Amino acid sequence: MLAQDVLQAIATDLNGSASIRAQLAAMRTRHPGITFSCCDASDMSGEEPYLSHSDFNIYLINSNGHCWHMTGDPEEATGVVIAEKAVKK
């Protein structure tokens, strides 16, 4: 389960970050037990983001069981996928 305040903290950490991918290590340290992954927004086409920002989308995943699957329910979520909309320079 991912609490709303944790999800908001993740979004706040990413907002204005020079490099979303560089933030991953820091987020893993700040939020142990949460799975983090990063990809390009085009890799998530057809999926509905849980949170949307001008530079990134946050998707929820459930990694219980053999494979990850997408979820829109924070109660089921065990991690997040951060999809970058554009590479920052």
Protein backbone atom coordinates (compact mmCIF):
# COMPACT_ATOMS: atom_id res chain seq x y z
CA MET A 1 0.00 0.00 0.00
CA LEU A 2 1.24 3.47 -0.89
CA ALA A 3 -0.19 6.30 1.17
CA GLN A 4 -1.30 9.47 -0.61
CA ASP A 5 1.23 11.56 1.32
CA VAL A 6 4.06 9.28 0.14
CA LEU A 7 2.90 9.54 -3.47
CA GLN A 8 2.72 13.31 -3.15
CA ALA A 9 6.21 13.40 -1.60
CA ILE A 10 7.56 11.41 -4.56
CA ALA A 11 5.97 13.86 -7.01
CA THR A 12 7.35 16.81 -5.04
CA ASP A 13 10.85 15.26 -5.06
CA LEU A 14 10.66 14.91 -8.84
CA ASN A 15 9.21 18.35 -9.53
CA GLY A 16 11.98 20.61 -10.70
CA SER A 17 14.59 17.88 -10.58
CA ALA A 18 17.37 18.33 -13.12
CA SER A 19 17.38 14.59 -13.75
CA ILE A 20 14.53 12.29 -12.84
CA ARG A 21 16.73 9.24 -13.35
CA ALA A 22 19.33 10.69 -10.99
CA GLN A 23 16.61 11.09 -8.34
CA LEU A 24 15.89 7.35 -8.31
CA ALA A 25 18.72 6.44 -5.94
CA ALA A 26 17.71 9.19 -3.50
CA MET A 27 14.05 8.13 -3.62
CA ARG A 28 14.97 4.49 -2.99
CA THR A 29 16.85 5.62 0.12
CA ARG A 30 14.04 7.90 1.34
CA HIS A 31 11.30 5.36 0.63
CA PRO A 32 12.67 1.86 1.37
CA GLY A 33 10.36 -0.96 0.45
CA ILE A 34 8.90 0.86 -2.55
CA THR A 35 9.86 -0.39 -6.00
CA PHE A 36 10.94 2.41 -8.36
CA SER A 37 11.38 2.21 -12.10
CA CYS A 38 11.87 4.86 -14.75
CA CYS A 39 11.12 4.86 -18.45
CA ASP A 40 10.21 7.11 -21.35
CA ALA A 41 6.56 8.20 -21.47
CA SER A 42 6.13 6.51 -24.85
CA ASP A 43 6.77 3.16 -23.14
CA MET A 44 3.57 3.65 -21.14
CA SER A 45 1.22 4.44 -24.02
CA GLY A 46 -2.23 3.08 -23.37
CA GLU A 47 -1.83 3.21 -19.58
CA GLU A 48 -3.55 5.75 -17.34
CA PRO A 49 -1.19 7.67 -15.03
CA TYR A 50 -2.01 7.98 -11.36
CA LEU A 51 -0.42 11.45 -11.24
CA SER A 52 0.48 13.65 -14.18
CA HIS A 53 2.98 16.51 -14.28
CA SER A 54 4.28 18.56 -17.19
CA ASP A 55 7.61 16.66 -17.14
CA PHE A 56 6.59 13.19 -15.96
CA ASN A 57 3.76 10.79 -15.17
CA ILE A 58 3.59 8.49 -12.18
CA TYR A 59 2.06 5.04 -12.63
CA LEU A 60 1.34 2.59 -9.83
CA ILE A 61 2.46 -1.02 -9.95
CA ASN A 62 1.72 -4.09 -7.90
CA SER A 63 4.71 -6.42 -7.70
CA ASN A 64 3.09 -9.05 -5.48
CA GLY A 65 3.27 -12.39 -7.19
CA HIS A 66 5.40 -13.45 -10.12
CA CYS A 67 5.08 -10.40 -12.39
CA TRP A 68 4.45 -6.68 -12.05
CA HIS A 69 1.11 -5.36 -13.17
CA MET A 70 -0.33 -1.87 -13.39
CA THR A 71 -2.88 -0.73 -10.85
CA GLY A 72 -4.77 2.48 -10.24
CA ASP A 73 -5.32 1.62 -6.61
CA PRO A 74 -2.79 2.93 -4.06
CA GLU A 75 -4.04 0.24 -1.64
CA GLU A 76 -2.68 -2.44 -4.02
CA ALA A 77 0.44 -0.55 -5.12
CA THR A 78 3.90 -1.66 -4.09
CA GLY A 79 5.82 0.68 -6.36
CA VAL A 80 5.83 3.36 -9.01
CA VAL A 81 6.96 3.79 -12.58
CA ILE A 82 8.11 7.29 -13.39
CA ALA A 83 7.67 8.05 -17.08
CA GLU A 84 9.65 11.02 -18.35
CA LYS A 85 7.78 13.07 -20.93
CA ALA A 86 10.92 14.78 -22.25
CA VAL A 87 14.59 14.58 -21.48
CA LYS A 88 15.71 17.71 -19.62
CA LYS A 89 18.82 19.44 -20.82
